[in-house]
Amino acid sequence: MIRIVKRFFVLIQQKLLTRRIEREIYGKIFPQIENQIAWGYPFNSDSKLNVCLLHAELDARLQLQLIVHSAKHAPKVYDQALRYIIFRDLNARMAMYLEFLRQRIP
């Protein structure tokens, strides 16, 4: 029973993520790139989006390295427990994005 309930909530989270992504891509990012409306993104063309994408990817990698480096200054067990929680959370979120991609990209 608990598995069914848990699976139900996972499916709802996945559907909400999909809806949020699709809404932002089609309702905001594409119109801004096509200069139809300005939503406040720091880009207004494919090339500027590509630069922002590169910066975002590099920032994410840097933040991940900072998390690992900073946590190592804590006592050993606290460091391990904290990193376990952080990576568990990040992995669950990334799994949702991977599922989104599996559904959208053949």
PDB file of N, CA and C in Angstrom:
ATOM      1  N   MET A   1       0.813  -1.194   0.000  1.00  0.00           N
ATOM      2  CA  MET A   1       0.000   0.000   0.000  1.00  0.00           C
ATOM      3  C   MET A   1       0.863   1.269   0.000  1.00  0.00           C
ATOM      4  N   ILE A   2       1.908   1.249   0.844  1.00  0.00           N
ATOM      5  CA  ILE A   2       2.791   2.403   0.926  1.00  0.00           C
ATOM      6  C   ILE A   2       3.485   2.627  -0.414  1.00  0.00           C
ATOM      7  N   ARG A   3       3.854   1.531  -1.089  1.00  0.00           N
ATOM      8  CA  ARG A   3       4.491   1.645  -2.404  1.00  0.00           C
ATOM      9  C   ARG A   3       3.572   2.329  -3.410  1.00  0.00           C
ATOM     10  N   ILE A   4       2.318   1.982  -3.377  1.00  0.00           N
ATOM     11  CA  ILE A   4       1.346   2.558  -4.314  1.00  0.00           C
ATOM     12  C   ILE A   4       1.206   4.055  -4.060  1.00  0.00           C
ATOM     13  N   VAL A   5       1.096   4.431  -2.799  1.00  0.00           N
ATOM     14  CA  VAL A   5       0.966   5.852  -2.444  1.00  0.00           C
ATOM     15  C   VAL A   5       2.234   6.609  -2.842  1.00  0.00           C
ATOM     16  N   LYS A   6       3.392   6.023  -2.544  1.00  0.00           N
ATOM     17  CA  LYS A   6       4.654   6.667  -2.889  1.00  0.00           C
ATOM     18  C   LYS A   6       4.765   6.835  -4.402  1.00  0.00           C
ATOM     19  N   ARG A   7       4.426   5.804  -5.147  1.00  0.00           N
ATOM     20  CA  ARG A   7       4.474   5.873  -6.613  1.00  0.00           C
ATOM     21  C   ARG A   7       3.519   6.951  -7.142  1.00  0.00           C
ATOM     22  N   PHE A   8       2.360   7.064  -6.515  1.00  0.00           N
ATOM     23  CA  PHE A   8       1.382   8.074  -6.898  1.00  0.00           C
ATOM     24  C   PHE A   8       1.976   9.477  -6.763  1.00  0.00           C
ATOM     25  N   PHE A   9       2.637   9.751  -5.633  1.00  0.00           N
ATOM     26  CA  PHE A   9       3.228  11.061  -5.416  1.00  0.00           C
ATOM     27  C   PHE A   9       4.417  11.309  -6.342  1.00  0.00           C
ATOM     28  N   VAL A  10       5.176  10.272  -6.648  1.00  0.00           N
ATOM     29  CA  VAL A  10       6.273  10.414  -7.603  1.00  0.00           C
ATOM     30  C   VAL A  10       5.716  10.786  -8.974  1.00  0.00           C
ATOM     31  N   LEU A  11       4.638  10.148  -9.383  1.00  0.00           N
ATOM     32  CA  LEU A  11       4.018  10.468 -10.672  1.00  0.00           C
ATOM     33  C   LEU A  11       3.491  11.900 -10.699  1.00  0.00           C
ATOM     34  N   ILE A  12       2.895  12.342  -9.606  1.00  0.00           N
ATOM     35  CA  ILE A  12       2.411  13.723  -9.543  1.00  0.00           C
ATOM     36  C   ILE A  12       3.579  14.700  -9.636  1.00  0.00           C
ATOM     37  N   GLN A  13       4.659  14.433  -8.899  1.00  0.00           N
ATOM     38  CA  GLN A  13       5.837  15.306  -8.971  1.00  0.00           C
ATOM     39  C   GLN A  13       6.377  15.356 -10.394  1.00  0.00           C
ATOM     40  N   GLN A  14       6.419  14.195 -11.063  1.00  0.00           N
ATOM     41  CA  GLN A  14       6.931  14.136 -12.421  1.00  0.00           C
ATOM     42  C   GLN A  14       6.045  14.942 -13.368  1.00  0.00           C
ATOM     43  N   LYS A  15       4.743  14.829 -13.206  1.00  0.00           N
ATOM     44  CA  LYS A  15       3.820  15.573 -14.067  1.00  0.00           C
ATOM     45  C   LYS A  15       3.940  17.081 -13.822  1.00  0.00           C
ATOM     46  N   LEU A  16       4.103  17.481 -12.571  1.00  0.00           N
ATOM     47  CA  LEU A  16       4.273  18.905 -12.261  1.00  0.00           C
ATOM     48  C   LEU A  16       5.573  19.443 -12.845  1.00  0.00           C
ATOM     49  N   LEU A  17       6.651  18.668 -12.751  1.00  0.00           N
ATOM     50  CA  LEU A  17       7.918  19.082 -13.333  1.00  0.00           C
ATOM     51  C   LEU A  17       7.775  19.235 -14.845  1.00  0.00           C
ATOM     52  N   THR A  18       7.164  18.252 -15.475  1.00  0.00           N
ATOM     53  CA  THR A  18       6.958  18.303 -16.922  1.00  0.00           C
ATOM     54  C   THR A  18       6.147  19.526 -17.311  1.00  0.00           C
ATOM     55  N   ARG A  19       5.078  19.774 -16.586  1.00  0.00           N
ATOM     56  CA  ARG A  19       4.224  20.931 -16.877  1.00  0.00           C
ATOM     57  C   ARG A  19       4.981  22.242 -16.715  1.00  0.00           C
ATOM     58  N   ARG A  20       5.773  22.346 -15.660  1.00  0.00           N
ATOM     59  CA  ARG A  20       6.536  23.566 -15.401  1.00  0.00           C
ATOM     60  C   ARG A  20       7.573  23.806 -16.501  1.00  0.00           C
ATOM     61  N   ILE A  21       8.278  22.761 -16.894  1.00  0.00           N
ATOM     62  CA  ILE A  21       9.303  22.882 -17.930  1.00  0.00           C
ATOM     63  C   ILE A  21       8.678  23.270 -19.260  1.00  0.00           C
ATOM     64  N   GLU A  22       7.632  22.546 -19.648  1.00  0.00           N
ATOM     65  CA  GLU A  22       6.978  22.817 -20.936  1.00  0.00           C
ATOM     66  C   GLU A  22       6.416  24.240 -20.971  1.00  0.00           C
ATOM     67  N   ARG A  23       5.801  24.669 -19.884  1.00  0.00           N
ATOM     68  CA  ARG A  23       5.237  26.020 -19.817  1.00  0.00           C
ATOM     69  C   ARG A  23       6.322  27.072 -19.974  1.00  0.00           C
ATOM     70  N   GLU A  24       7.451  26.868 -19.301  1.00  0.00           N
ATOM     71  CA  GLU A  24       8.522  27.855 -19.388  1.00  0.00           C
ATOM     72  C   GLU A  24       9.161  27.863 -20.778  1.00  0.00           C
ATOM     73  N   ILE A  25       9.395  26.684 -21.343  1.00  0.00           N
ATOM     74  CA  ILE A  25      10.015  26.625 -22.677  1.00  0.00           C
ATOM     75  C   ILE A  25       9.117  27.267 -23.724  1.00  0.00           C
ATOM     76  N   TYR A  26       7.866  26.779 -23.809  1.00  0.00           N
ATOM     77  CA  TYR A  26       6.973  27.236 -24.877  1.00  0.00           C
ATOM     78  C   TYR A  26       6.325  28.593 -24.591  1.00  0.00           C
ATOM     79  N   GLY A  27       6.082  28.885 -23.312  1.00  0.00           N
ATOM     80  CA  GLY A  27       5.379  30.108 -22.974  1.00  0.00           C
ATOM     81  C   GLY A  27       6.262  31.306 -22.704  1.00  0.00           C
ATOM     82  N   LYS A  28       7.543  31.061 -22.381  1.00  0.00           N
ATOM     83  CA  LYS A  28       8.410  32.179 -22.025  1.00  0.00           C
ATOM     84  C   LYS A  28       9.708  32.221 -22.828  1.00  0.00           C
ATOM     85  N   ILE A  29      10.465  31.126 -22.816  1.00  0.00           N
ATOM     86  CA  ILE A  29      11.781  31.160 -23.459  1.00  0.00           C
ATOM     87  C   ILE A  29      11.665  31.314 -24.970  1.00  0.00           C
ATOM     88  N   PHE A  30      10.866  30.470 -25.624  1.00  0.00           N
ATOM     89  CA  PHE A  30      10.722  30.591 -27.077  1.00  0.00           C
ATOM     90  C   PHE A  30      10.212  31.970 -27.486  1.00  0.00           C
ATOM     91  N   PRO A  31       9.157  32.490 -26.845  1.00  0.00           N
ATOM     92  CA  PRO A  31       8.705  33.837 -27.235  1.00  0.00           C
ATOM     93  C   PRO A  31       9.771  34.912 -27.029  1.00  0.00           C
ATOM     94  N   GLN A  32      10.572  34.788 -25.975  1.00  0.00           N
ATOM     95  CA  GLN A  32      11.607  35.796 -25.759  1.00  0.00           C
ATOM     96  C   GLN A  32      12.688  35.694 -26.824  1.00  0.00           C
ATOM     97  N   ILE A  33      13.099  34.483 -27.184  1.00  0.00           N
ATOM     98  CA  ILE A  33      14.117  34.311 -28.226  1.00  0.00           C
ATOM     99  C   ILE A  33      13.616  34.859 -29.562  1.00  0.00           C
ATOM    100  N   GLU A  34      12.319  34.714 -29.815  1.00  0.00           N
ATOM    101  CA  GLU A  34      11.730  35.206 -31.062  1.00  0.00           C
ATOM    102  C   GLU A  34      11.350  36.684 -30.967  1.00  0.00           C
ATOM    103  N   ASN A  35      11.759  37.340 -29.870  1.00  0.00           N
ATOM    104  CA  ASN A  35      11.504  38.765 -29.633  1.00  0.00           C
ATOM    105  C   ASN A  35      10.024  39.127 -29.674  1.00  0.00           C
ATOM    106  N   GLN A  36       9.163  38.211 -29.219  1.00  0.00           N
ATOM    107  CA  GLN A  36       7.736  38.482 -29.142  1.00  0.00           C
ATOM    108  C   GLN A  36       7.376  39.175 -27.827  1.00  0.00           C
ATOM    109  N   ILE A  37       8.050  38.772 -26.766  1.00  0.00           N
ATOM    110  CA  ILE A  37       7.781  39.345 -25.447  1.00  0.00           C
ATOM    111  C   ILE A  37       9.029  39.164 -24.581  1.00  0.00           C
ATOM    112  N   ALA A  38       9.288  40.095 -23.716  1.00  0.00           N
ATOM    113  CA  ALA A  38      10.449  40.017 -22.822  1.00  0.00           C
ATOM    114  C   ALA A  38       9.997  39.517 -21.453  1.00  0.00           C
ATOM    115  N   TRP A  39      10.531  38.391 -21.046  1.00  0.00           N
ATOM    116  CA  TRP A  39      10.195  37.813 -19.747  1.00  0.00           C
ATOM    117  C   TRP A  39      11.288  38.053 -18.709  1.00  0.00           C
ATOM    118  N   GLY A  40      12.326  38.770 -19.074  1.00  0.00           N
ATOM    119  CA  GLY A  40      13.374  39.092 -18.111  1.00  0.00           C
ATOM    120  C   GLY A  40      14.542  38.127 -18.097  1.00  0.00           C
ATOM    121  N   TYR A  41      14.566  37.206 -19.045  1.00  0.00           N
ATOM    122  CA  TYR A  41      15.725  36.313 -19.126  1.00  0.00           C
ATOM    123  C   TYR A  41      16.930  37.115 -19.606  1.00  0.00           C
ATOM    124  N   PRO A  42      18.141  36.667 -19.270  1.00  0.00           N
ATOM    125  CA  PRO A  42      19.340  37.414 -19.682  1.00  0.00           C
ATOM    126  C   PRO A  42      19.763  37.110 -21.117  1.00  0.00           C
ATOM    127  N   PHE A  43      18.849  36.642 -21.947  1.00  0.00           N
ATOM    128  CA  PHE A  43      19.164  36.336 -23.339  1.00  0.00           C
ATOM    129  C   PHE A  43      17.971  36.696 -24.209  1.00  0.00           C
ATOM    130  N   ASN A  44      18.254  36.933 -25.491  1.00  0.00           N
ATOM    131  CA  ASN A  44      17.171  37.206 -26.437  1.00  0.00           C
ATOM    132  C   ASN A  44      17.478  36.612 -27.812  1.00  0.00           C
ATOM    133  N   SER A  45      18.420  35.647 -27.829  1.00  0.00           N
ATOM    134  CA  SER A  45      18.762  34.952 -29.066  1.00  0.00           C
ATOM    135  C   SER A  45      19.332  33.581 -28.714  1.00  0.00           C
ATOM    136  N   ASP A  46      19.417  32.731 -29.729  1.00  0.00           N
ATOM    137  CA  ASP A  46      19.998  31.406 -29.516  1.00  0.00           C
ATOM    138  C   ASP A  46      21.431  31.496 -29.003  1.00  0.00           C
ATOM    139  N   SER A  47      22.209  32.387 -29.592  1.00  0.00           N
ATOM    140  CA  SER A  47      23.615  32.480 -29.210  1.00  0.00           C
ATOM    141  C   SER A  47      23.773  32.967 -27.766  1.00  0.00           C
ATOM    142  N   LYS A  48      22.959  33.935 -27.370  1.00  0.00           N
ATOM    143  CA  LYS A  48      23.030  34.413 -25.977  1.00  0.00           C
ATOM    144  C   LYS A  48      22.515  33.350 -25.005  1.00  0.00           C
ATOM    145  N   LEU A  49      21.509  32.583 -25.427  1.00  0.00           N
ATOM    146  CA  LEU A  49      21.022  31.468 -24.607  1.00  0.00           C
ATOM    147  C   LEU A  49      22.130  30.445 -24.431  1.00  0.00           C
ATOM    148  N   ASN A  50      22.882  30.184 -25.480  1.00  0.00           N
ATOM    149  CA  ASN A  50      23.977  29.229 -25.406  1.00  0.00           C
ATOM    150  C   ASN A  50      25.036  29.678 -24.407  1.00  0.00           C
ATOM    151  N   VAL A  51      25.356  30.972 -24.392  1.00  0.00           N
ATOM    152  CA  VAL A  51      26.325  31.514 -23.430  1.00  0.00           C
ATOM    153  C   VAL A  51      25.781  31.363 -22.004  1.00  0.00           C
ATOM    154  N   CYS A  52      24.513  31.689 -21.802  1.00  0.00           N
ATOM    155  CA  CYS A  52      23.895  31.553 -20.471  1.00  0.00           C
ATOM    156  C   CYS A  52      23.876  30.097 -20.034  1.00  0.00           C
ATOM    157  N   LEU A  53      23.625  29.200 -20.974  1.00  0.00           N
ATOM    158  CA  LEU A  53      23.635  27.769 -20.676  1.00  0.00           C
ATOM    159  C   LEU A  53      25.016  27.324 -20.213  1.00  0.00           C
ATOM    160  N   LEU A  54      26.040  27.755 -20.903  1.00  0.00           N
ATOM    161  CA  LEU A  54      27.411  27.407 -20.529  1.00  0.00           C
ATOM    162  C   LEU A  54      27.727  27.923 -19.125  1.00  0.00           C
ATOM    163  N   HIS A  55      27.364  29.175 -18.840  1.00  0.00           N
ATOM    164  CA  HIS A  55      27.606  29.741 -17.505  1.00  0.00           C
ATOM    165  C   HIS A  55      26.841  28.956 -16.436  1.00  0.00           C
ATOM    166  N   ALA A  56      25.595  28.605 -16.719  1.00  0.00           N
ATOM    167  CA  ALA A  56      24.788  27.865 -15.743  1.00  0.00           C
ATOM    168  C   ALA A  56      25.392  26.489 -15.463  1.00  0.00           C
ATOM    169  N   GLU A  57      25.860  25.832 -16.515  1.00  0.00           N
ATOM    170  CA  GLU A  57      26.473  24.515 -16.328  1.00  0.00           C
ATOM    171  C   GLU A  57      27.750  24.618 -15.505  1.00  0.00           C
ATOM    172  N   LEU A  58      28.579  25.598 -15.810  1.00  0.00           N
ATOM    173  CA  LEU A  58      29.815  25.793 -15.052  1.00  0.00           C
ATOM    174  C   LEU A  58      29.524  26.166 -13.600  1.00  0.00           C
ATOM    175  N   ASP A  59      28.512  27.006 -13.378  1.00  0.00           N
ATOM    176  CA  ASP A  59      28.119  27.368 -12.010  1.00  0.00           C
ATOM    177  C   ASP A  59      27.669  26.136 -11.231  1.00  0.00           C
ATOM    178  N   ALA A  60      26.888  25.262 -11.857  1.00  0.00           N
ATOM    179  CA  ALA A  60      26.415  24.056 -11.176  1.00  0.00           C
ATOM    180  C   ALA A  60      27.581  23.156 -10.792  1.00  0.00           C
ATOM    181  N   ARG A  61      28.535  23.007 -11.703  1.00  0.00           N
ATOM    182  CA  ARG A  61      29.717  22.178 -11.399  1.00  0.00           C
ATOM    183  C   ARG A  61      30.521  22.788 -10.249  1.00  0.00           C
ATOM    184  N   LEU A  62      30.686  24.115 -10.275  1.00  0.00           N
ATOM    185  CA  LEU A  62      31.425  24.797  -9.217  1.00  0.00           C
ATOM    186  C   LEU A  62      30.719  24.638  -7.874  1.00  0.00           C
ATOM    187  N   GLN A  63      29.413  24.830  -7.860  1.00  0.00           N
ATOM    188  CA  GLN A  63      28.666  24.697  -6.605  1.00  0.00           C
ATOM    189  C   GLN A  63      28.758  23.281  -6.045  1.00  0.00           C
ATOM    190  N   LEU A  64      28.731  22.288  -6.917  1.00  0.00           N
ATOM    191  CA  LEU A  64      28.870  20.908  -6.464  1.00  0.00           C
ATOM    192  C   LEU A  64      30.247  20.690  -5.831  1.00  0.00           C
ATOM    193  N   GLN A  65      31.278  21.226  -6.461  1.00  0.00           N
ATOM    194  CA  GLN A  65      32.625  21.114  -5.886  1.00  0.00           C
ATOM    195  C   GLN A  65      32.718  21.852  -4.554  1.00  0.00           C
ATOM    196  N   LEU A  66      32.081  23.021  -4.466  1.00  0.00           N
ATOM    197  CA  LEU A  66      32.099  23.785  -3.212  1.00  0.00           C
ATOM    198  C   LEU A  66      31.379  23.049  -2.091  1.00  0.00           C
ATOM    199  N   ILE A  67      30.275  22.374  -2.433  1.00  0.00           N
ATOM    200  CA  ILE A  67      29.553  21.592  -1.428  1.00  0.00           C
ATOM    201  C   ILE A  67      30.465  20.521  -0.852  1.00  0.00           C
ATOM    202  N   VAL A  68      31.108  19.762  -1.723  1.00  0.00           N
ATOM    203  CA  VAL A  68      31.988  18.686  -1.276  1.00  0.00           C
ATOM    204  C   VAL A  68      33.153  19.249  -0.468  1.00  0.00           C
ATOM    205  N   HIS A  69      33.769  20.302  -0.958  1.00  0.00           N
ATOM    206  CA  HIS A  69      34.918  20.899  -0.269  1.00  0.00           C
ATOM    207  C   HIS A  69      34.516  21.491   1.089  1.00  0.00           C
ATOM    208  N   SER A  70      33.415  22.231   1.120  1.00  0.00           N
ATOM    209  CA  SER A  70      32.990  22.889   2.362  1.00  0.00           C
ATOM    210  C   SER A  70      32.560  21.881   3.416  1.00  0.00           C
ATOM    211  N   ALA A  71      31.851  20.850   3.006  1.00  0.00           N
ATOM    212  CA  ALA A  71      31.365  19.857   3.970  1.00  0.00           C
ATOM    213  C   ALA A  71      32.521  19.123   4.637  1.00  0.00           C
ATOM    214  N   LYS A  72      33.645  18.999   3.954  1.00  0.00           N
ATOM    215  CA  LYS A  72      34.791  18.271   4.512  1.00  0.00           C
ATOM    216  C   LYS A  72      35.416  18.990   5.705  1.00  0.00           C
ATOM    217  N   HIS A  73      35.032  20.248   5.940  1.00  0.00           N
ATOM    218  CA  HIS A  73      35.542  20.983   7.103  1.00  0.00           C
ATOM    219  C   HIS A  73      34.730  20.676   8.358  1.00  0.00           C
ATOM    220  N   ALA A  74      33.636  19.973   8.193  1.00  0.00           N
ATOM    221  CA  ALA A  74      32.809  19.575   9.340  1.00  0.00           C
ATOM    222  C   ALA A  74      33.384  18.290   9.927  1.00  0.00           C
ATOM    223  N   PRO A  75      32.948  17.938  11.140  1.00  0.00           N
ATOM    224  CA  PRO A  75      33.370  16.646  11.690  1.00  0.00           C
ATOM    225  C   PRO A  75      32.991  15.518  10.722  1.00  0.00           C
ATOM    226  N   LYS A  76      33.786  14.439  10.727  1.00  0.00           N
ATOM    227  CA  LYS A  76      33.682  13.382   9.720  1.00  0.00           C
ATOM    228  C   LYS A  76      32.273  12.832   9.537  1.00  0.00           C
ATOM    229  N   VAL A  77      31.638  12.406  10.600  1.00  0.00           N
ATOM    230  CA  VAL A  77      30.315  11.788  10.477  1.00  0.00           C
ATOM    231  C   VAL A  77      29.283  12.819  10.000  1.00  0.00           C
ATOM    232  N   TYR A  78      29.376  14.045  10.497  1.00  0.00           N
ATOM    233  CA  TYR A  78      28.470  15.102  10.051  1.00  0.00           C
ATOM    234  C   TYR A  78      28.675  15.366   8.555  1.00  0.00           C
ATOM    235  N   ASP A  79      29.928  15.455   8.142  1.00  0.00           N
ATOM    236  CA  ASP A  79      30.267  15.657   6.730  1.00  0.00           C
ATOM    237  C   ASP A  79      29.650  14.552   5.873  1.00  0.00           C
ATOM    238  N   GLN A  80      29.843  13.314   6.283  1.00  0.00           N
ATOM    239  CA  GLN A  80      29.314  12.192   5.498  1.00  0.00           C
ATOM    240  C   GLN A  80      27.788  12.201   5.451  1.00  0.00           C
ATOM    241  N   ALA A  81      27.173  12.461   6.598  1.00  0.00           N
ATOM    242  CA  ALA A  81      25.710  12.491   6.651  1.00  0.00           C
ATOM    243  C   ALA A  81      25.160  13.632   5.795  1.00  0.00           C
ATOM    244  N   LEU A  82      25.764  14.805   5.889  1.00  0.00           N
ATOM    245  CA  LEU A  82      25.318  15.956   5.122  1.00  0.00           C
ATOM    246  C   LEU A  82      25.458  15.708   3.624  1.00  0.00           C
ATOM    247  N   ARG A  83      26.619  15.201   3.206  1.00  0.00           N
ATOM    248  CA  ARG A  83      26.813  14.925   1.781  1.00  0.00           C
ATOM    249  C   ARG A  83      25.854  13.843   1.292  1.00  0.00           C
ATOM    250  N   TYR A  84      25.574  12.849   2.134  1.00  0.00           N
ATOM    251  CA  TYR A  84      24.603  11.817   1.753  1.00  0.00           C
ATOM    252  C   TYR A  84      23.238  12.453   1.465  1.00  0.00           C
ATOM    253  N   ILE A  85      22.791  13.331   2.358  1.00  0.00           N
ATOM    254  CA  ILE A  85      21.492  13.990   2.188  1.00  0.00           C
ATOM    255  C   ILE A  85      21.493  14.866   0.940  1.00  0.00           C
ATOM    256  N   ILE A  86      22.543  15.643   0.759  1.00  0.00           N
ATOM    257  CA  ILE A  86      22.625  16.540  -0.397  1.00  0.00           C
ATOM    258  C   ILE A  86      22.593  15.741  -1.691  1.00  0.00           C
ATOM    259  N   PHE A  87      23.428  14.724  -1.804  1.00  0.00           N
ATOM    260  CA  PHE A  87      23.490  13.951  -3.044  1.00  0.00           C
ATOM    261  C   PHE A  87      22.229  13.122  -3.266  1.00  0.00           C
ATOM    262  N   ARG A  88      21.617  12.645  -2.196  1.00  0.00           N
ATOM    263  CA  ARG A  88      20.347  11.926  -2.342  1.00  0.00           C
ATOM    264  C   ARG A  88      19.292  12.846  -2.947  1.00  0.00           C
ATOM    265  N   ASP A  89      19.234  14.071  -2.439  1.00  0.00           N
ATOM    266  CA  ASP A  89      18.275  15.055  -2.941  1.00  0.00           C
ATOM    267  C   ASP A  89      18.565  15.419  -4.392  1.00  0.00           C
ATOM    268  N   LEU A  90      19.831  15.701  -4.686  1.00  0.00           N
ATOM    269  CA  LEU A  90      20.212  16.064  -6.051  1.00  0.00           C
ATOM    270  C   LEU A  90      19.951  14.913  -7.026  1.00  0.00           C
ATOM    271  N   ASN A  91      20.278  13.692  -6.619  1.00  0.00           N
ATOM    272  CA  ASN A  91      20.058  12.537  -7.493  1.00  0.00           C
ATOM    273  C   ASN A  91      18.576  12.308  -7.768  1.00  0.00           C
ATOM    274  N   ALA A  92      17.736  12.510  -6.781  1.00  0.00           N
ATOM    275  CA  ALA A  92      16.293  12.356  -6.990  1.00  0.00           C
ATOM    276  C   ALA A  92      15.784  13.392  -7.989  1.00  0.00           C
ATOM    277  N   ARG A  93      16.263  14.617  -7.873  1.00  0.00           N
ATOM    278  CA  ARG A  93      15.839  15.669  -8.796  1.00  0.00           C
ATOM    279  C   ARG A  93      16.356  15.400 -10.202  1.00  0.00           C
ATOM    280  N   MET A  94      17.622  14.987 -10.301  1.00  0.00           N
ATOM    281  CA  MET A  94      18.181  14.689 -11.615  1.00  0.00           C
ATOM    282  C   MET A  94      17.473  13.503 -12.263  1.00  0.00           C
ATOM    283  N   ALA A  95      17.054  12.533 -11.462  1.00  0.00           N
ATOM    284  CA  ALA A  95      16.308  11.397 -12.000  1.00  0.00           C
ATOM    285  C   ALA A  95      14.991  11.864 -12.615  1.00  0.00           C
ATOM    286  N   MET A  96      14.370  12.872 -12.017  1.00  0.00           N
ATOM    287  CA  MET A  96      13.137  13.424 -12.575  1.00  0.00           C
ATOM    288  C   MET A  96      13.408  14.082 -13.926  1.00  0.00           C
ATOM    289  N   TYR A  97      14.512  14.802 -14.035  1.00  0.00           N
ATOM    290  CA  TYR A  97      14.870  15.423 -15.308  1.00  0.00           C
ATOM    291  C   TYR A  97      15.181  14.357 -16.364  1.00  0.00           C
ATOM    292  N   LEU A  98      15.871  13.293 -15.958  1.00  0.00           N
ATOM    293  CA  LEU A  98      16.153  12.206 -16.899  1.00  0.00           C
ATOM    294  C   LEU A  98      14.872  11.545 -17.389  1.00  0.00           C
ATOM    295  N   GLU A  99      13.924  11.358 -16.492  1.00  0.00           N
ATOM    296  CA  GLU A  99      12.638  10.784 -16.892  1.00  0.00           C
ATOM    297  C   GLU A  99      11.919  11.726 -17.853  1.00  0.00           C
ATOM    298  N   PHE A 100      11.971  12.999 -17.596  1.00  0.00           N
ATOM    299  CA  PHE A 100      11.405  13.984 -18.509  1.00  0.00           C
ATOM    300  C   PHE A 100      12.015  13.835 -19.900  1.00  0.00           C
ATOM    301  N   LEU A 101      13.332  13.730 -19.954  1.00  0.00           N
ATOM    302  CA  LEU A 101      14.019  13.570 -21.233  1.00  0.00           C
ATOM    303  C   LEU A 101      13.647  12.261 -21.919  1.00  0.00           C
ATOM    304  N   ARG A 102      13.530  11.190 -21.153  1.00  0.00           N
ATOM    305  CA  ARG A 102      13.130   9.894 -21.735  1.00  0.00           C
ATOM    306  C   ARG A 102      11.747   9.990 -22.376  1.00  0.00           C
ATOM    307  N   GLN A 103      10.868  10.754 -21.761  1.00  0.00           N
ATOM    308  CA  GLN A 103       9.507  10.901 -22.289  1.00  0.00           C
ATOM    309  C   GLN A 103       9.471  11.790 -23.530  1.00  0.00           C
ATOM    310  N   ARG A 104      10.372  12.744 -23.644  1.00  0.00           N
ATOM    311  CA  ARG A 104      10.305  13.736 -24.704  1.00  0.00           C
ATOM    312  C   ARG A 104      11.217  13.474 -25.895  1.00  0.00           C
ATOM    313  N   ILE A 105      12.312  12.763 -25.648  1.00  0.00           N
ATOM    314  CA  ILE A 105      13.312  12.578 -26.701  1.00  0.00           C
ATOM    315  C   ILE A 105      13.409  11.096 -27.051  1.00  0.00           C
ATOM    316  N   PRO A 106      13.112  10.761 -28.298  1.00  0.00           N
ATOM    317  CA  PRO A 106      13.161   9.339 -28.694  1.00  0.00           C
ATOM    318  C   PRO A 106      14.576   8.795 -28.717  1.00  0.00           C
TER     319      PRO A 106
END
